[in-house]
Amino acid sequence: MKYMLLIYLDEHKPLSEAERQECYAESTQLAQELHANGKYLSANPLHPTTMATSVRVRDGKRLVTDGPFAETREQLGGYFLIDAKDLDEALGIAGRIPMARKGTVEVRPVIEIPGLPTV
């Protein structure tokens, strides 16, 4: 089953450049290990919410606003998309993501819709 591991962090407490590079290196190592075990599908950090744009359609009109969908203390900062045998395995992998030590990793099963293109 596919799981999306959504990484949330407080953008008002940014990492130092050294911490960021260490996090990227550790995340890359985890991704390589998951890939070797056939569990890796995708992973990437996201730019800060200051780069976000939100789109809503209401009454047939597209509304575009700068910023994220919701104002919260923690913002979505990246993700891992994995293939795990069950929720327990997905939770174990989520706990190994470096930002789980500083933020939150939300684990959500992915609904697979037949007919969607595959990579």
PDB file of N, CA and C in Angstrom:
ATOM      1  N   MET A   1       0.841  -1.172   0.000  1.00  0.00           N
ATOM      2  CA  MET A   1       0.000   0.000   0.000  1.00  0.00           C
ATOM      3  C   MET A   1       0.888   1.237   0.000  1.00  0.00           C
ATOM      4  N   LYS A   2       0.461   2.258  -0.710  1.00  0.00           N
ATOM      5  CA  LYS A   2       1.211   3.508  -0.749  1.00  0.00           C
ATOM      6  C   LYS A   2       0.795   4.388   0.421  1.00  0.00           C
ATOM      7  N   TYR A   3       1.798   5.061   0.994  1.00  0.00           N
ATOM      8  CA  TYR A   3       1.572   6.007   2.084  1.00  0.00           C
ATOM      9  C   TYR A   3       2.278   7.308   1.753  1.00  0.00           C
ATOM     10  N   MET A   4       1.604   8.426   2.030  1.00  0.00           N
ATOM     11  CA  MET A   4       2.209   9.744   1.908  1.00  0.00           C
ATOM     12  C   MET A   4       2.623  10.160   3.311  1.00  0.00           C
ATOM     13  N   LEU A   5       3.894  10.451   3.480  1.00  0.00           N
ATOM     14  CA  LEU A   5       4.428  10.917   4.750  1.00  0.00           C
ATOM     15  C   LEU A   5       4.644  12.416   4.610  1.00  0.00           C
ATOM     16  N   LEU A   6       3.740  13.188   5.188  1.00  0.00           N
ATOM     17  CA  LEU A   6       3.745  14.640   5.057  1.00  0.00           C
ATOM     18  C   LEU A   6       4.528  15.250   6.216  1.00  0.00           C
ATOM     19  N   ILE A   7       5.527  16.042   5.897  1.00  0.00           N
ATOM     20  CA  ILE A   7       6.443  16.585   6.892  1.00  0.00           C
ATOM     21  C   ILE A   7       6.054  18.031   7.196  1.00  0.00           C
ATOM     22  N   TYR A   8       5.684  18.282   8.445  1.00  0.00           N
ATOM     23  CA  TYR A   8       5.287  19.623   8.871  1.00  0.00           C
ATOM     24  C   TYR A   8       6.342  20.202   9.802  1.00  0.00           C
ATOM     25  N   LEU A   9       6.582  21.506   9.669  1.00  0.00           N
ATOM     26  CA  LEU A   9       7.550  22.179  10.512  1.00  0.00           C
ATOM     27  C   LEU A   9       7.112  23.614  10.743  1.00  0.00           C
ATOM     28  N   ASP A  10       7.674  24.213  11.770  1.00  0.00           N
ATOM     29  CA  ASP A  10       7.388  25.604  12.093  1.00  0.00           C
ATOM     30  C   ASP A  10       8.370  26.471  11.317  1.00  0.00           C
ATOM     31  N   GLU A  11       7.878  27.163  10.304  1.00  0.00           N
ATOM     32  CA  GLU A  11       8.753  27.997   9.472  1.00  0.00           C
ATOM     33  C   GLU A  11       9.298  29.203  10.232  1.00  0.00           C
ATOM     34  N   HIS A  12       8.709  29.521  11.386  1.00  0.00           N
ATOM     35  CA  HIS A  12       9.192  30.648  12.182  1.00  0.00           C
ATOM     36  C   HIS A  12      10.403  30.258  13.019  1.00  0.00           C
ATOM     37  N   LYS A  13      10.755  28.973  12.988  1.00  0.00           N
ATOM     38  CA  LYS A  13      11.960  28.479  13.656  1.00  0.00           C
ATOM     39  C   LYS A  13      12.798  27.743  12.613  1.00  0.00           C
ATOM     40  N   PRO A  14      13.355  28.495  11.661  1.00  0.00           N
ATOM     41  CA  PRO A  14      14.074  27.838  10.550  1.00  0.00           C
ATOM     42  C   PRO A  14      15.352  27.144  11.010  1.00  0.00           C
ATOM     43  N   LEU A  15      15.739  26.148  10.224  1.00  0.00           N
ATOM     44  CA  LEU A  15      16.996  25.447  10.467  1.00  0.00           C
ATOM     45  C   LEU A  15      18.155  26.328  10.019  1.00  0.00           C
ATOM     46  N   SER A  16      19.284  26.174  10.675  1.00  0.00           N
ATOM     47  CA  SER A  16      20.495  26.832  10.181  1.00  0.00           C
ATOM     48  C   SER A  16      20.885  26.144   8.874  1.00  0.00           C
ATOM     49  N   GLU A  17      21.775  26.751   8.134  1.00  0.00           N
ATOM     50  CA  GLU A  17      22.215  26.133   6.873  1.00  0.00           C
ATOM     51  C   GLU A  17      22.887  24.784   7.139  1.00  0.00           C
ATOM     52  N   ALA A  18      23.665  24.694   8.212  1.00  0.00           N
ATOM     53  CA  ALA A  18      24.314  23.424   8.553  1.00  0.00           C
ATOM     54  C   ALA A  18      23.269  22.367   8.912  1.00  0.00           C
ATOM     55  N   GLU A  19      22.246  22.750   9.678  1.00  0.00           N
ATOM     56  CA  GLU A  19      21.179  21.804  10.041  1.00  0.00           C
ATOM     57  C   GLU A  19      20.409  21.353   8.804  1.00  0.00           C
ATOM     58  N   ARG A  20      20.150  22.295   7.896  1.00  0.00           N
ATOM     59  CA  ARG A  20      19.425  21.965   6.665  1.00  0.00           C
ATOM     60  C   ARG A  20      20.212  20.963   5.829  1.00  0.00           C
ATOM     61  N   GLN A  21      21.515  21.201   5.671  1.00  0.00           N
ATOM     62  CA  GLN A  21      22.341  20.297   4.873  1.00  0.00           C
ATOM     63  C   GLN A  21      22.429  18.916   5.529  1.00  0.00           C
ATOM     64  N   GLU A  22      22.498  18.881   6.858  1.00  0.00           N
ATOM     65  CA  GLU A  22      22.526  17.608   7.577  1.00  0.00           C
ATOM     66  C   GLU A  22      21.205  16.859   7.378  1.00  0.00           C
ATOM     67  N   CYS A  23      20.092  17.595   7.435  1.00  0.00           N
ATOM     68  CA  CYS A  23      18.767  16.996   7.221  1.00  0.00           C
ATOM     69  C   CYS A  23      18.655  16.435   5.800  1.00  0.00           C
ATOM     70  N   TYR A  24      19.115  17.203   4.807  1.00  0.00           N
ATOM     71  CA  TYR A  24      19.077  16.734   3.416  1.00  0.00           C
ATOM     72  C   TYR A  24      19.928  15.476   3.246  1.00  0.00           C
ATOM     73  N   ALA A  25      21.108  15.469   3.847  1.00  0.00           N
ATOM     74  CA  ALA A  25      21.992  14.298   3.726  1.00  0.00           C
ATOM     75  C   ALA A  25      21.350  13.077   4.368  1.00  0.00           C
ATOM     76  N   GLU A  26      20.772  13.247   5.555  1.00  0.00           N
ATOM     77  CA  GLU A  26      20.140  12.129   6.248  1.00  0.00           C
ATOM     78  C   GLU A  26      18.900  11.648   5.491  1.00  0.00           C
ATOM     79  N   SER A  27      18.129  12.591   4.952  1.00  0.00           N
ATOM     80  CA  SER A  27      16.942  12.228   4.174  1.00  0.00           C
ATOM     81  C   SER A  27      17.320  11.494   2.894  1.00  0.00           C
ATOM     82  N   THR A  28      18.406  11.933   2.247  1.00  0.00           N
ATOM     83  CA  THR A  28      18.882  11.274   1.038  1.00  0.00           C
ATOM     84  C   THR A  28      19.324   9.854   1.344  1.00  0.00           C
ATOM     85  N   GLN A  29      20.012   9.677   2.471  1.00  0.00           N
ATOM     86  CA  GLN A  29      20.455   8.339   2.885  1.00  0.00           C
ATOM     87  C   GLN A  29      19.243   7.436   3.139  1.00  0.00           C
ATOM     88  N   LEU A  30      18.223   7.964   3.822  1.00  0.00           N
ATOM     89  CA  LEU A  30      16.999   7.197   4.066  1.00  0.00           C
ATOM     90  C   LEU A  30      16.330   6.840   2.743  1.00  0.00           C
ATOM     91  N   ALA A  31      16.227   7.797   1.817  1.00  0.00           N
ATOM     92  CA  ALA A  31      15.608   7.535   0.517  1.00  0.00           C
ATOM     93  C   ALA A  31      16.369   6.444  -0.239  1.00  0.00           C
ATOM     94  N   GLN A  32      17.702   6.480  -0.188  1.00  0.00           N
ATOM     95  CA  GLN A  32      18.512   5.462  -0.866  1.00  0.00           C
ATOM     96  C   GLN A  32      18.254   4.079  -0.258  1.00  0.00           C
ATOM     97  N   GLU A  33      18.159   4.016   1.056  1.00  0.00           N
ATOM     98  CA  GLU A  33      17.888   2.742   1.735  1.00  0.00           C
ATOM     99  C   GLU A  33      16.490   2.223   1.369  1.00  0.00           C
ATOM    100  N   LEU A  34      15.503   3.113   1.392  1.00  0.00           N
ATOM    101  CA  LEU A  34      14.142   2.709   1.016  1.00  0.00           C
ATOM    102  C   LEU A  34      14.101   2.231  -0.433  1.00  0.00           C
ATOM    103  N   HIS A  35      14.837   2.919  -1.305  1.00  0.00           N
ATOM    104  CA  HIS A  35      14.895   2.530  -2.721  1.00  0.00           C
ATOM    105  C   HIS A  35      15.494   1.135  -2.868  1.00  0.00           C
ATOM    106  N   ALA A  36      16.555   0.876  -2.137  1.00  0.00           N
ATOM    107  CA  ALA A  36      17.212  -0.436  -2.204  1.00  0.00           C
ATOM    108  C   ALA A  36      16.280  -1.548  -1.737  1.00  0.00           C
ATOM    109  N   ASN A  37      15.325  -1.209  -0.854  1.00  0.00           N
ATOM    110  CA  ASN A  37      14.370  -2.191  -0.339  1.00  0.00           C
ATOM    111  C   ASN A  37      13.033  -2.178  -1.081  1.00  0.00           C
ATOM    112  N   GLY A  38      12.958  -1.411  -2.184  1.00  0.00           N
ATOM    113  CA  GLY A  38      11.743  -1.376  -2.992  1.00  0.00           C
ATOM    114  C   GLY A  38      10.592  -0.616  -2.357  1.00  0.00           C
ATOM    115  N   LYS A  39      10.877   0.274  -1.416  1.00  0.00           N
ATOM    116  CA  LYS A  39       9.835   1.000  -0.710  1.00  0.00           C
ATOM    117  C   LYS A  39       9.740   2.469  -1.118  1.00  0.00           C
ATOM    118  N   TYR A  40      10.761   2.995  -1.779  1.00  0.00           N
ATOM    119  CA  TYR A  40      10.814   4.405  -2.151  1.00  0.00           C
ATOM    120  C   TYR A  40      10.030   4.669  -3.432  1.00  0.00           C
ATOM    121  N   LEU A  41       9.186   5.694  -3.399  1.00  0.00           N
ATOM    122  CA  LEU A  41       8.492   6.129  -4.606  1.00  0.00           C
ATOM    123  C   LEU A  41       8.879   7.556  -4.978  1.00  0.00           C
ATOM    124  N   SER A  42       8.989   8.448  -3.970  1.00  0.00           N
ATOM    125  CA  SER A  42       9.335   9.837  -4.239  1.00  0.00           C
ATOM    126  C   SER A  42       9.563  10.559  -2.917  1.00  0.00           C
ATOM    127  N   ALA A  43      10.326  11.645  -2.948  1.00  0.00           N
ATOM    128  CA  ALA A  43      10.523  12.493  -1.767  1.00  0.00           C
ATOM    129  C   ALA A  43      11.087  13.829  -2.220  1.00  0.00           C
ATOM    130  N   ASN A  44      10.641  14.897  -1.590  1.00  0.00           N
ATOM    131  CA  ASN A  44      11.175  16.223  -1.869  1.00  0.00           C
ATOM    132  C   ASN A  44      10.813  17.187  -0.753  1.00  0.00           C
ATOM    133  N   PRO A  45      11.713  18.126  -0.447  1.00  0.00           N
ATOM    134  CA  PRO A  45      11.322  19.237   0.414  1.00  0.00           C
ATOM    135  C   PRO A  45      10.547  20.247  -0.435  1.00  0.00           C
ATOM    136  N   LEU A  46       9.816  21.114   0.225  1.00  0.00           N
ATOM    137  CA  LEU A  46       9.060  22.154  -0.465  1.00  0.00           C
ATOM    138  C   LEU A  46       9.646  23.521  -0.109  1.00  0.00           C
ATOM    139  N   HIS A  47       9.486  24.473  -1.014  1.00  0.00           N
ATOM    140  CA  HIS A  47       9.857  25.851  -0.706  1.00  0.00           C
ATOM    141  C   HIS A  47       8.952  26.351   0.414  1.00  0.00           C
ATOM    142  N   PRO A  48       9.335  27.416   1.110  1.00  0.00           N
ATOM    143  CA  PRO A  48       8.508  27.947   2.198  1.00  0.00           C
ATOM    144  C   PRO A  48       7.129  28.394   1.702  1.00  0.00           C
ATOM    145  N   THR A  49       6.214  28.540   2.654  1.00  0.00           N
ATOM    146  CA  THR A  49       4.845  28.934   2.304  1.00  0.00           C
ATOM    147  C   THR A  49       4.790  30.322   1.668  1.00  0.00           C
ATOM    148  N   THR A  50       5.840  31.128   1.832  1.00  0.00           N
ATOM    149  CA  THR A  50       5.871  32.432   1.174  1.00  0.00           C
ATOM    150  C   THR A  50       5.892  32.272  -0.346  1.00  0.00           C
ATOM    151  N   MET A  51       6.247  31.081  -0.824  1.00  0.00           N
ATOM    152  CA  MET A  51       6.263  30.803  -2.261  1.00  0.00           C
ATOM    153  C   MET A  51       4.963  30.148  -2.735  1.00  0.00           C
ATOM    154  N   ALA A  52       4.059  29.858  -1.793  1.00  0.00           N
ATOM    155  CA  ALA A  52       2.830  29.134  -2.127  1.00  0.00           C
ATOM    156  C   ALA A  52       1.783  30.045  -2.761  1.00  0.00           C
ATOM    157  N   THR A  53       0.953  29.451  -3.591  1.00  0.00           N
ATOM    158  CA  THR A  53      -0.220  30.096  -4.170  1.00  0.00           C
ATOM    159  C   THR A  53      -1.363  29.103  -4.056  1.00  0.00           C
ATOM    160  N   SER A  54      -2.516  29.571  -3.587  1.00  0.00           N
ATOM    161  CA  SER A  54      -3.671  28.693  -3.423  1.00  0.00           C
ATOM    162  C   SER A  54      -4.730  29.016  -4.474  1.00  0.00           C
ATOM    163  N   VAL A  55      -5.380  27.972  -4.992  1.00  0.00           N
ATOM    164  CA  VAL A  55      -6.416  28.125  -6.016  1.00  0.00           C
ATOM    165  C   VAL A  55      -7.711  27.517  -5.487  1.00  0.00           C
ATOM    166  N   ARG A  56      -8.792  28.265  -5.632  1.00  0.00           N
ATOM    167  CA  ARG A  56     -10.135  27.783  -5.302  1.00  0.00           C
ATOM    168  C   ARG A  56     -11.044  28.157  -6.460  1.00  0.00           C
ATOM    169  N   VAL A  57     -12.010  27.338  -6.735  1.00  0.00           N
ATOM    170  CA  VAL A  57     -13.009  27.680  -7.745  1.00  0.00           C
ATOM    171  C   VAL A  57     -14.348  27.764  -7.032  1.00  0.00           C
ATOM    172  N   ARG A  58     -14.994  28.920  -7.132  1.00  0.00           N
ATOM    173  CA  ARG A  58     -16.289  29.166  -6.509  1.00  0.00           C
ATOM    174  C   ARG A  58     -17.206  29.788  -7.546  1.00  0.00           C
ATOM    175  N   ASP A  59     -18.367  29.199  -7.686  1.00  0.00           N
ATOM    176  CA  ASP A  59     -19.345  29.688  -8.677  1.00  0.00           C
ATOM    177  C   ASP A  59     -18.733  29.811 -10.064  1.00  0.00           C
ATOM    178  N   GLY A  60     -17.877  28.846 -10.409  1.00  0.00           N
ATOM    179  CA  GLY A  60     -17.260  28.818 -11.731  1.00  0.00           C
ATOM    180  C   GLY A  60     -16.121  29.794 -11.922  1.00  0.00           C
ATOM    181  N   LYS A  61     -15.749  30.543 -10.891  1.00  0.00           N
ATOM    182  CA  LYS A  61     -14.656  31.514 -10.996  1.00  0.00           C
ATOM    183  C   LYS A  61     -13.456  31.031 -10.200  1.00  0.00           C
ATOM    184  N   ARG A  62     -12.303  31.140 -10.827  1.00  0.00           N
ATOM    185  CA  ARG A  62     -11.059  30.752 -10.163  1.00  0.00           C
ATOM    186  C   ARG A  62     -10.582  31.892  -9.281  1.00  0.00           C
ATOM    187  N   LEU A  63     -10.323  31.591  -8.022  1.00  0.00           N
ATOM    188  CA  LEU A  63      -9.798  32.561  -7.072  1.00  0.00           C
ATOM    189  C   LEU A  63      -8.384  32.145  -6.714  1.00  0.00           C
ATOM    190  N   VAL A  64      -7.430  33.016  -6.945  1.00  0.00           N
ATOM    191  CA  VAL A  64      -6.027  32.739  -6.681  1.00  0.00           C
ATOM    192  C   VAL A  64      -5.559  33.673  -5.578  1.00  0.00           C
ATOM    193  N   THR A  65      -4.965  33.098  -4.520  1.00  0.00           N
ATOM    194  CA  THR A  65      -4.436  33.913  -3.427  1.00  0.00           C
ATOM    195  C   THR A  65      -3.011  33.484  -3.116  1.00  0.00           C
ATOM    196  N   ASP A  66      -2.219  34.451  -2.700  1.00  0.00           N
ATOM    197  CA  ASP A  66      -0.854  34.150  -2.274  1.00  0.00           C
ATOM    198  C   ASP A  66      -0.907  33.452  -0.929  1.00  0.00           C
ATOM    199  N   GLY A  67      -0.016  32.501  -0.739  1.00  0.00           N
ATOM    200  CA  GLY A  67       0.100  31.842   0.551  1.00  0.00           C
ATOM    201  C   GLY A  67      -0.538  30.474   0.595  1.00  0.00           C
ATOM    202  N   PRO A  68      -0.383  29.815   1.730  1.00  0.00           N
ATOM    203  CA  PRO A  68      -0.894  28.453   1.893  1.00  0.00           C
ATOM    204  C   PRO A  68      -2.398  28.443   2.106  1.00  0.00           C
ATOM    205  N   PHE A  69      -2.959  27.252   2.095  1.00  0.00           N
ATOM    206  CA  PHE A  69      -4.399  27.069   2.271  1.00  0.00           C
ATOM    207  C   PHE A  69      -4.853  27.538   3.643  1.00  0.00           C
ATOM    208  N   ALA A  70      -4.089  27.228   4.679  1.00  0.00           N
ATOM    209  CA  ALA A  70      -4.505  27.557   6.041  1.00  0.00           C
ATOM    210  C   ALA A  70      -3.349  28.158   6.821  1.00  0.00           C
ATOM    211  N   GLU A  71      -3.683  29.043   7.734  1.00  0.00           N
ATOM    212  CA  GLU A  71      -2.685  29.603   8.647  1.00  0.00           C
ATOM    213  C   GLU A  71      -2.598  28.691   9.862  1.00  0.00           C
ATOM    214  N   THR A  72      -1.467  28.076  10.052  1.00  0.00           N
ATOM    215  CA  THR A  72      -1.254  27.209  11.204  1.00  0.00           C
ATOM    216  C   THR A  72       0.156  27.425  11.727  1.00  0.00           C
ATOM    217  N   ARG A  73       0.443  26.883  12.893  1.00  0.00           N
ATOM    218  CA  ARG A  73       1.781  27.015  13.465  1.00  0.00           C
ATOM    219  C   ARG A  73       2.802  26.221  12.656  1.00  0.00           C
ATOM    220  N   GLU A  74       2.415  25.012  12.232  1.00  0.00           N
ATOM    221  CA  GLU A  74       3.313  24.190  11.423  1.00  0.00           C
ATOM    222  C   GLU A  74       2.809  24.162   9.977  1.00  0.00           C
ATOM    223  N   GLN A  75       3.743  24.252   9.038  1.00  0.00           N
ATOM    224  CA  GLN A  75       3.405  24.245   7.629  1.00  0.00           C
ATOM    225  C   GLN A  75       4.000  23.011   6.957  1.00  0.00           C
ATOM    226  N   LEU A  76       3.358  22.599   5.867  1.00  0.00           N
ATOM    227  CA  LEU A  76       3.855  21.467   5.087  1.00  0.00           C
ATOM    228  C   LEU A  76       5.200  21.851   4.482  1.00  0.00           C
ATOM    229  N   GLY A  77       6.228  21.051   4.794  1.00  0.00           N
ATOM    230  CA  GLY A  77       7.568  21.388   4.339  1.00  0.00           C
ATOM    231  C   GLY A  77       8.180  20.381   3.388  1.00  0.00           C
ATOM    232  N   GLY A  78       7.527  19.225   3.224  1.00  0.00           N
ATOM    233  CA  GLY A  78       8.060  18.215   2.320  1.00  0.00           C
ATOM    234  C   GLY A  78       7.294  16.920   2.474  1.00  0.00           C
ATOM    235  N   TYR A  79       7.750  15.904   1.758  1.00  0.00           N
ATOM    236  CA  TYR A  79       7.033  14.631   1.797  1.00  0.00           C
ATOM    237  C   TYR A  79       7.943  13.486   1.397  1.00  0.00           C
ATOM    238  N   PHE A  80       7.542  12.297   1.783  1.00  0.00           N
ATOM    239  CA  PHE A  80       8.045  11.032   1.249  1.00  0.00           C
ATOM    240  C   PHE A  80       6.814  10.287   0.765  1.00  0.00           C
ATOM    241  N   LEU A  81       6.869   9.702  -0.398  1.00  0.00           N
ATOM    242  CA  LEU A  81       5.836   8.796  -0.880  1.00  0.00           C
ATOM    243  C   LEU A  81       6.467   7.418  -0.888  1.00  0.00           C
ATOM    244  N   ILE A  82       5.882   6.505  -0.112  1.00  0.00           N
ATOM    245  CA  ILE A  82       6.492   5.184   0.064  1.00  0.00           C
ATOM    246  C   ILE A  82       5.489   4.080  -0.251  1.00  0.00           C
ATOM    247  N   ASP A  83       6.010   2.886  -0.413  1.00  0.00           N
ATOM    248  CA  ASP A  83       5.199   1.682  -0.560  1.00  0.00           C
ATOM    249  C   ASP A  83       5.528   0.804   0.635  1.00  0.00           C
ATOM    250  N   ALA A  84       4.592   0.664   1.554  1.00  0.00           N
ATOM    251  CA  ALA A  84       4.814  -0.111   2.776  1.00  0.00           C
ATOM    252  C   ALA A  84       3.791  -1.227   2.863  1.00  0.00           C
ATOM    253  N   LYS A  85       4.146  -2.306   3.558  1.00  0.00           N
ATOM    254  CA  LYS A  85       3.231  -3.446   3.648  1.00  0.00           C
ATOM    255  C   LYS A  85       2.013  -3.133   4.500  1.00  0.00           C
ATOM    256  N   ASP A  86       2.180  -2.215   5.498  1.00  0.00           N
ATOM    257  CA  ASP A  86       1.055  -1.869   6.362  1.00  0.00           C
ATOM    258  C   ASP A  86       1.367  -0.567   7.101  1.00  0.00           C
ATOM    259  N   LEU A  87       0.399  -0.106   7.898  1.00  0.00           N
ATOM    260  CA  LEU A  87       0.557   1.142   8.629  1.00  0.00           C
ATOM    261  C   LEU A  87       1.734   1.083   9.596  1.00  0.00           C
ATOM    262  N   ASP A  88       1.942  -0.040  10.267  1.00  0.00           N
ATOM    263  CA  ASP A  88       3.052  -0.150  11.205  1.00  0.00           C
ATOM    264  C   ASP A  88       4.394   0.090  10.527  1.00  0.00           C
ATOM    265  N   GLU A  89       4.572  -0.477   9.346  1.00  0.00           N
ATOM    266  CA  GLU A  89       5.824  -0.253   8.625  1.00  0.00           C
ATOM    267  C   GLU A  89       5.947   1.206   8.212  1.00  0.00           C
ATOM    268  N   ALA A  90       4.848   1.811   7.756  1.00  0.00           N
ATOM    269  CA  ALA A  90       4.863   3.222   7.360  1.00  0.00           C
ATOM    270  C   ALA A  90       5.206   4.116   8.556  1.00  0.00           C
ATOM    271  N   LEU A  91       4.660   3.801   9.734  1.00  0.00           N
ATOM    272  CA  LEU A  91       4.955   4.579  10.944  1.00  0.00           C
ATOM    273  C   LEU A  91       6.427   4.445  11.327  1.00  0.00           C
ATOM    274  N   GLY A  92       6.980   3.256  11.159  1.00  0.00           N
ATOM    275  CA  GLY A  92       8.393   3.052  11.441  1.00  0.00           C
ATOM    276  C   GLY A  92       9.274   3.897  10.542  1.00  0.00           C
ATOM    277  N   ILE A  93       8.927   3.960   9.268  1.00  0.00           N
ATOM    278  CA  ILE A  93       9.694   4.781   8.323  1.00  0.00           C
ATOM    279  C   ILE A  93       9.522   6.256   8.659  1.00  0.00           C
ATOM    280  N   ALA A  94       8.293   6.671   8.976  1.00  0.00           N
ATOM    281  CA  ALA A  94       8.038   8.076   9.326  1.00  0.00           C
ATOM    282  C   ALA A  94       8.902   8.515  10.507  1.00  0.00           C
ATOM    283  N   GLY A  95       9.085   7.631  11.468  1.00  0.00           N
ATOM    284  CA  GLY A  95       9.902   7.957  12.626  1.00  0.00           C
ATOM    285  C   GLY A  95      11.376   8.117  12.314  1.00  0.00           C
ATOM    286  N   ARG A  96      11.806   7.670  11.156  1.00  0.00           N
ATOM    287  CA  ARG A  96      13.210   7.783  10.742  1.00  0.00           C
ATOM    288  C   ARG A  96      13.463   9.050   9.924  1.00  0.00           C
ATOM    289  N   ILE A  97      12.422   9.771   9.556  1.00  0.00           N
ATOM    290  CA  ILE A  97      12.598  11.022   8.806  1.00  0.00           C
ATOM    291  C   ILE A  97      13.184  12.061   9.765  1.00  0.00           C
ATOM    292  N   PRO A  98      14.282  12.706   9.379  1.00  0.00           N
ATOM    293  CA  PRO A  98      14.959  13.624  10.297  1.00  0.00           C
ATOM    294  C   PRO A  98      14.044  14.694  10.904  1.00  0.00           C
ATOM    295  N   MET A  99      13.148  15.261  10.136  1.00  0.00           N
ATOM    296  CA  MET A  99      12.303  16.340  10.648  1.00  0.00           C
ATOM    297  C   MET A  99      11.258  15.852  11.643  1.00  0.00           C
ATOM    298  N   ALA A 100      11.102  14.548  11.814  1.00  0.00           N
ATOM    299  CA  ALA A 100      10.208  14.039  12.860  1.00  0.00           C
ATOM    300  C   ALA A 100      10.735  14.442  14.230  1.00  0.00           C
ATOM    301  N   ARG A 101      12.039  14.719  14.330  1.00  0.00           N
ATOM    302  CA  ARG A 101      12.637  15.132  15.600  1.00  0.00           C
ATOM    303  C   ARG A 101      12.396  16.610  15.904  1.00  0.00           C
ATOM    304  N   LYS A 102      12.021  17.399  14.899  1.00  0.00           N
ATOM    305  CA  LYS A 102      11.824  18.841  15.092  1.00  0.00           C
ATOM    306  C   LYS A 102      10.401  19.285  14.776  1.00  0.00           C
ATOM    307  N   GLY A 103       9.685  18.522  13.962  1.00  0.00           N
ATOM    308  CA  GLY A 103       8.325  18.876  13.558  1.00  0.00           C
ATOM    309  C   GLY A 103       7.407  17.681  13.723  1.00  0.00           C
ATOM    310  N   THR A 104       6.554  17.479  12.741  1.00  0.00           N
ATOM    311  CA  THR A 104       5.568  16.401  12.765  1.00  0.00           C
ATOM    312  C   THR A 104       5.550  15.722  11.407  1.00  0.00           C
ATOM    313  N   VAL A 105       5.409  14.404  11.394  1.00  0.00           N
ATOM    314  CA  VAL A 105       5.228  13.673  10.141  1.00  0.00           C
ATOM    315  C   VAL A 105       3.852  13.020  10.197  1.00  0.00           C
ATOM    316  N   GLU A 106       2.982  13.442   9.293  1.00  0.00           N
ATOM    317  CA  GLU A 106       1.637  12.870   9.185  1.00  0.00           C
ATOM    318  C   GLU A 106       1.684  11.723   8.191  1.00  0.00           C
ATOM    319  N   VAL A 107       1.140  10.581   8.568  1.00  0.00           N
ATOM    320  CA  VAL A 107       1.134   9.387   7.724  1.00  0.00           C
ATOM    321  C   VAL A 107      -0.280   9.181   7.211  1.00  0.00           C
ATOM    322  N   ARG A 108      -0.430   9.179   5.874  1.00  0.00           N
ATOM    323  CA  ARG A 108      -1.759   9.005   5.286  1.00  0.00           C
ATOM    324  C   ARG A 108      -1.710   7.990   4.157  1.00  0.00           C
ATOM    325  N   PRO A 109      -2.619   7.001   4.186  1.00  0.00           N
ATOM    326  CA  PRO A 109      -2.679   6.057   3.071  1.00  0.00           C
ATOM    327  C   PRO A 109      -3.147   6.787   1.806  1.00  0.00           C
ATOM    328  N   VAL A 110      -2.640   6.335   0.689  1.00  0.00           N
ATOM    329  CA  VAL A 110      -2.991   6.913  -0.609  1.00  0.00           C
ATOM    330  C   VAL A 110      -4.069   6.057  -1.250  1.00  0.00           C
ATOM    331  N   ILE A 111      -5.115   6.697  -1.743  1.00  0.00           N
ATOM    332  CA  ILE A 111      -6.159   5.984  -2.485  1.00  0.00           C
ATOM    333  C   ILE A 111      -5.678   5.842  -3.913  1.00  0.00           C
ATOM    334  N   GLU A 112      -5.591   4.629  -4.381  1.00  0.00           N
ATOM    335  CA  GLU A 112      -5.141   4.382  -5.749  1.00  0.00           C
ATOM    336  C   GLU A 112      -6.359   4.259  -6.651  1.00  0.00           C
ATOM    337  N   ILE A 113      -6.474   5.175  -7.604  1.00  0.00           N
ATOM    338  CA  ILE A 113      -7.607   5.202  -8.525  1.00  0.00           C
ATOM    339  C   ILE A 113      -7.200   4.517  -9.830  1.00  0.00           C
ATOM    340  N   PRO A 114      -7.906   3.476 -10.222  1.00  0.00           N
ATOM    341  CA  PRO A 114      -7.571   2.805 -11.493  1.00  0.00           C
ATOM    342  C   PRO A 114      -7.671   3.775 -12.668  1.00  0.00           C
ATOM    343  N   GLY A 115      -6.762   3.631 -13.604  1.00  0.00           N
ATOM    344  CA  GLY A 115      -6.796   4.441 -14.808  1.00  0.00           C
ATOM    345  C   GLY A 115      -5.912   5.658 -14.780  1.00  0.00           C
ATOM    346  N   LEU A 116      -5.366   6.010 -13.613  1.00  0.00           N
ATOM    347  CA  LEU A 116      -4.441   7.152 -13.561  1.00  0.00           C
ATOM    348  C   LEU A 116      -3.128   6.749 -14.197  1.00  0.00           C
ATOM    349  N   PRO A 117      -2.438   7.701 -14.837  1.00  0.00           N
ATOM    350  CA  PRO A 117      -1.139   7.372 -15.436  1.00  0.00           C
ATOM    351  C   PRO A 117      -0.142   6.957 -14.365  1.00  0.00           C
ATOM    352  N   THR A 118       0.787   6.113 -14.724  1.00  0.00           N
ATOM    353  CA  THR A 118       1.858   5.730 -13.816  1.00  0.00           C
ATOM    354  C   THR A 118       3.172   6.262 -14.346  1.00  0.00           C
ATOM    355  N   VAL A 119       4.117   6.424 -13.457  1.00  0.00           N
ATOM    356  CA  VAL A 119       5.416   6.959 -13.845  1.00  0.00           C
ATOM    357  C   VAL A 119       6.274   5.857 -14.425  1.00  0.00           C
TER     358      VAL A 119
END
